[in-house]
Structures are given as structure tokens and as C-alpha cells.
Amino acid sequence: MLRAYYARVAPRSVHDIPREKLSSYRLGRLERIKPSGQRALSLGAELLLIESLKTLGEPELPLDIYTGPGGKPGLREGPCFSLSHSGELVFCALSDVKVGCDVQKLPEAEPSPRLLERCLCERERRLYSESGKKRELFTILWGLKESYAKMDGAGLGPLPPAEIPIQLCRPGAAAVEGSSAKLWYRVDGDYVFAVCSEKHEIPQEFGQLDIYLK
């Protein structure tokens, strides 16, 4: 099972949400986030997780989320999940096996040579130099690398992005050299969605959900 959903986060105060329906994991993160926009996205990520879980059944709130090795969050009761946010969107992937997801808004400018050197391997840089859609290609590669790193841990950080060699296969499919992981991506307007799974090639469901709490 692999499902992926996204939602648009409208500006709102986190105080509008009943705190007793939020996980202790989320409440702790909200306490550490100061910018209101980032707080709204962090809140929106949990609301999207709740709505995504509702596609499988009615989840018990608050969610019992724990932090595993590398800081990766997980549910004590329920499927594996991964969360991401960028721009005005939050993104969630659910699976019966380990999963990582990432959403990236296309940058306004092309990445600097220094950033390319840090993030792309030599083969990827050659592919980038030949591309007519450089911003889109870089964002696809970055999102795939992030989703791969998040499948086992909390994301990129200790694992240098240039050391995750992405092989683009048919449109929407990719692989990491030396790994059996399955990677999927989709470009939708100004955003790139990426999902990495231990065994599933494409989400059986992908779509937009409304996020709210009654």
C-alpha cells in the first residue's frame, strides 16, 4: 500500500486548533518554531496526516507519534508515514513499508555552481548542463534525494546529497544506484512531488485533501 496526498495551507493561527487533538510530538515542534508561516506549515503537516489516515479508517486522536533513529517520526499504531512542506503546500505519504516523501517549490533562479557541486554527482551535473529545464531538473533530483534519505532517517544532513546518485528512468520513475528502493516523482505546476518506498513503484492514490479539525 502506498498513498500520497497534498494540501494547501491557508494562513491561520495555530491557536484555532484544539490543542488536545494534536500529538505531543507536534506540540513540541510548534513550541520551537517562531515564524508564524513555518508554524502554520508544521501544523498543516499533522492535519494532513490525520486526513490521510482517514482514507484508511478513523484515527484515534491525538496521534501517538514517536521519534525513531535519526529523528524520523513514526506512529506506534498505524502505517508508516512521511511528511514534507514547501511554499504553500504540505505533503504526506502513507505505506505498509518504510517510506520517504518530499515536496519542493521550483526556485525562482537556477542554483549556483557551488550548490550544484555540493548536491549533484558528476553524471547528474552533466545531465543538468544539457537540460533545457534546469530549475525543474535540479528540483526533481533534489526532491528524490530528500525522499530517499527520509525513508530510513530524518532526511539529508549526515548523508551528502552528491553521494546519492539518482538514475532517472521512464518519466515519473527513478532509482538510486546500488539500492533496491523505488522512487516516483511528479511535476505539478510550480511544485515537484517525490516519494521513495522499499517496494512500491507508484502511489495507488495521489491527490489533494482539505485539512481541518472538527
Protein backbone atom coordinates (compact mmCIF):
# COMPACT_ATOMS: atom_id res chain seq x y z
CA MET A 1 0.00 0.00 0.00
CA LEU A 2 1.28 3.42 -0.96
CA ARG A 3 -0.79 6.58 -0.92
CA ALA A 4 0.26 10.22 -1.26
CA TYR A 5 -1.75 13.35 -0.57
CA TYR A 6 -1.09 17.06 -0.50
CA ALA A 7 -2.93 20.10 0.83
CA ARG A 8 -2.68 23.86 0.57
CA VAL A 9 -2.13 25.63 3.88
CA ALA A 10 -4.20 28.77 4.26
CA PRO A 11 -2.90 31.46 6.63
CA ARG A 12 -4.42 30.86 10.05
CA SER A 13 -3.50 30.97 13.69
CA VAL A 14 -2.42 27.70 15.28
CA HIS A 15 -4.49 28.76 18.28
CA ASP A 16 -7.64 27.99 16.23
CA ILE A 17 -6.93 24.25 16.50
CA PRO A 18 -7.91 22.38 19.70
CA ARG A 19 -4.55 21.52 21.24
CA GLU A 20 -5.94 18.34 22.83
CA LYS A 21 -6.33 16.89 19.31
CA LEU A 22 -2.67 17.44 18.42
CA SER A 23 0.08 14.94 19.17
CA SER A 24 2.65 15.72 21.84
CA TYR A 25 5.24 15.41 19.05
CA ARG A 26 3.55 18.24 17.12
CA LEU A 27 3.02 20.42 20.17
CA GLY A 28 6.71 20.14 20.97
CA ARG A 29 7.68 21.17 17.46
CA LEU A 30 5.28 24.12 17.47
CA GLU A 31 6.84 25.37 20.70
CA ARG A 32 10.23 25.52 18.99
CA ILE A 33 9.05 27.24 15.79
CA LYS A 34 8.80 31.04 15.93
CA PRO A 35 7.89 32.31 12.41
CA SER A 36 4.11 32.15 12.01
CA GLY A 37 4.33 30.86 8.44
CA GLN A 38 6.51 27.93 9.47
CA ARG A 39 4.23 27.19 12.42
CA ALA A 40 1.25 27.05 10.07
CA LEU A 41 3.06 24.62 7.76
CA SER A 42 4.12 22.41 10.69
CA LEU A 43 0.54 22.33 11.94
CA GLY A 44 -0.74 21.72 8.42
CA ALA A 45 1.55 18.69 8.10
CA GLU A 46 -0.12 16.97 11.07
CA LEU A 47 -3.60 17.94 9.90
CA LEU A 48 -2.81 16.41 6.51
CA LEU A 49 -1.51 13.25 8.20
CA ILE A 50 -4.81 12.98 10.08
CA GLU A 51 -6.87 13.47 6.91
CA SER A 52 -4.67 10.99 5.03
CA LEU A 53 -5.19 8.38 7.77
CA LYS A 54 -8.94 8.89 7.43
CA THR A 55 -8.72 7.36 3.94
CA LEU A 56 -7.87 4.11 5.73
CA GLY A 57 -10.23 4.44 8.70
CA GLU A 58 -10.95 6.77 11.59
CA PRO A 59 -7.73 7.51 13.52
CA GLU A 60 -7.74 7.97 17.27
CA LEU A 61 -6.70 11.48 18.28
CA PRO A 62 -4.31 12.67 19.40
CA LEU A 63 -1.96 10.61 17.27
CA ASP A 64 0.69 8.65 19.18
CA ILE A 65 3.81 9.75 17.30
CA TYR A 66 7.27 8.72 18.45
CA THR A 67 10.72 9.69 17.20
CA GLY A 68 12.94 6.91 15.89
CA PRO A 69 16.62 6.76 14.93
CA GLY A 70 17.81 9.89 13.16
CA GLY A 71 14.76 11.81 14.34
CA LYS A 72 12.34 10.14 11.92
CA PRO A 73 8.77 10.26 13.31
CA GLY A 74 6.53 7.21 13.29
CA LEU A 75 3.13 6.03 14.52
CA ARG A 76 3.02 3.44 17.32
CA GLU A 77 -0.27 2.19 15.85
CA GLY A 78 -0.73 2.61 12.13
CA PRO A 79 1.06 2.71 8.80
CA CYS A 80 4.47 4.17 8.03
CA PHE A 81 4.34 7.80 7.01
CA SER A 82 6.47 10.70 5.84
CA LEU A 83 5.72 14.43 5.79
CA SER A 84 7.13 17.40 3.91
CA HIS A 85 6.24 21.01 3.16
CA SER A 86 7.35 23.74 0.78
CA GLY A 87 5.85 27.03 -0.33
CA GLU A 88 2.14 26.82 0.48
CA LEU A 89 1.88 23.02 0.29
CA VAL A 90 2.20 20.15 2.74
CA PHE A 91 2.71 16.58 1.51
CA CYS A 92 2.11 13.20 3.14
CA ALA A 93 2.90 9.62 2.09
CA LEU A 94 1.43 6.53 3.77
CA SER A 95 2.69 2.98 3.26
CA ASP A 96 2.80 -0.50 4.74
CA VAL A 97 6.61 -0.35 4.44
CA LYS A 98 9.20 2.34 5.12
CA VAL A 99 8.57 5.45 3.04
CA GLY A 100 10.01 8.92 2.48
CA CYS A 101 8.45 11.87 0.69
CA ASP A 102 9.36 15.38 -0.31
CA VAL A 103 7.68 18.36 -1.96
CA GLN A 104 9.70 21.23 -3.40
CA LYS A 105 8.57 24.51 -4.94
CA LEU A 106 10.54 25.38 -8.06
CA PRO A 107 13.16 28.04 -7.26
CA GLU A 108 12.99 31.40 -8.99
CA ALA A 109 16.64 31.20 -10.09
CA GLU A 110 18.98 28.44 -11.19
CA PRO A 111 21.22 27.01 -8.46
CA SER A 112 24.72 28.37 -8.06
CA PRO A 113 27.76 26.37 -9.28
CA ARG A 114 28.73 25.80 -5.65
CA LEU A 115 25.30 24.34 -4.86
CA LEU A 116 25.44 22.12 -7.93
CA GLU A 117 28.84 20.81 -6.84
CA ARG A 118 27.56 20.05 -3.34
CA CYS A 119 24.26 18.43 -4.37
CA LEU A 120 24.82 16.62 -7.67
CA CYS A 121 27.24 13.89 -8.63
CA GLU A 122 29.33 14.27 -11.77
CA ARG A 123 26.87 12.38 -14.00
CA GLU A 124 23.94 14.43 -12.68
CA ARG A 125 25.84 17.67 -13.34
CA ARG A 126 26.39 16.61 -16.95
CA LEU A 127 22.69 15.85 -17.29
CA TYR A 128 21.90 19.23 -15.74
CA SER A 129 24.20 21.12 -18.15
CA GLU A 130 22.42 19.53 -21.13
CA SER A 131 18.90 20.16 -19.84
CA GLY A 132 16.58 22.81 -21.24
CA LYS A 133 14.65 22.84 -17.95
CA LYS A 134 17.43 23.31 -15.44
CA ARG A 135 15.36 24.55 -12.49
CA GLU A 136 12.90 21.70 -12.89
CA LEU A 137 15.58 19.02 -13.27
CA PHE A 138 17.54 20.21 -10.25
CA THR A 139 14.36 20.28 -8.16
CA ILE A 140 13.42 16.76 -9.27
CA LEU A 141 16.86 15.42 -8.37
CA TRP A 142 16.88 17.24 -5.02
CA GLY A 143 13.38 16.02 -4.12
CA LEU A 144 14.26 12.42 -5.00
CA LYS A 145 17.43 12.57 -2.91
CA GLU A 146 15.49 14.03 0.03
CA SER A 147 12.77 11.38 -0.18
CA TYR A 148 15.39 8.61 -0.30
CA ALA A 149 17.20 9.99 2.75
CA LYS A 150 13.91 10.38 4.64
CA MET A 151 12.86 6.79 4.01
CA ASP A 152 15.40 5.49 6.56
CA GLY A 153 16.10 8.64 8.58
CA ALA A 154 15.08 12.24 9.09
CA GLY A 155 16.43 13.49 5.76
CA LEU A 156 19.52 14.96 4.21
CA GLY A 157 22.17 16.11 6.64
CA PRO A 158 24.72 13.44 7.58
CA LEU A 159 24.28 11.95 4.10
CA PRO A 160 25.80 14.30 1.47
CA PRO A 161 23.31 14.78 -1.40
CA ALA A 162 26.01 14.33 -4.05
CA GLU A 163 26.58 10.80 -2.68
CA ILE A 164 23.01 9.77 -3.53
CA PRO A 165 23.31 9.03 -7.28
CA ILE A 166 19.88 9.33 -8.91
CA GLN A 167 19.11 7.48 -12.13
CA LEU A 168 16.08 8.87 -13.96
CA CYS A 169 14.21 6.04 -15.67
CA ARG A 170 10.96 6.43 -17.56
CA PRO A 171 9.03 9.68 -16.90
CA GLY A 172 7.93 9.73 -13.27
CA ALA A 173 10.23 6.88 -12.19
CA ALA A 174 13.75 6.90 -10.79
CA ALA A 175 16.23 4.76 -8.87
CA VAL A 176 19.26 5.18 -6.64
CA GLU A 177 22.31 3.38 -7.94
CA GLY A 178 23.22 0.47 -5.66
CA SER A 179 19.83 0.44 -3.93
CA SER A 180 16.61 -1.54 -4.43
CA ALA A 181 14.49 1.43 -3.36
CA LYS A 182 11.71 2.56 -5.71
CA LEU A 183 11.38 6.27 -6.44
CA TRP A 184 8.47 8.15 -8.01
CA TYR A 185 8.10 11.82 -8.86
CA ARG A 186 5.55 14.17 -10.35
CA VAL A 187 5.79 17.77 -11.55
CA ASP A 188 2.58 19.72 -10.96
CA GLY A 189 2.71 23.42 -11.77
CA ASP A 190 5.37 25.07 -9.62
CA TYR A 191 5.86 22.02 -7.40
CA VAL A 192 7.71 18.71 -7.57
CA PHE A 193 6.47 15.75 -5.51
CA ALA A 194 8.75 12.81 -4.77
CA VAL A 195 8.18 9.51 -2.94
CA CYS A 196 10.63 6.74 -2.09
CA SER A 197 9.44 3.28 -0.99
CA GLU A 198 11.07 -0.03 -0.15
CA LYS A 199 8.88 -1.89 -2.65
CA HIS A 200 6.13 0.26 -4.24
CA GLU A 201 6.87 1.98 -7.55
CA ILE A 202 3.94 4.41 -7.73
CA PRO A 203 1.25 5.59 -5.28
CA GLN A 204 -2.06 3.82 -5.75
CA GLU A 205 -3.67 7.11 -4.77
CA PHE A 206 -2.38 10.66 -5.25
CA GLY A 207 -4.48 13.76 -4.76
CA GLN A 208 -5.38 16.86 -2.81
CA LEU A 209 -7.19 16.84 0.53
CA ASP A 210 -8.80 19.57 2.62
CA ILE A 211 -7.29 19.86 6.09
CA TYR A 212 -9.33 20.76 9.13
CA LEU A 213 -10.29 19.52 12.57
CA LYS A 214 -13.86 19.46 13.80
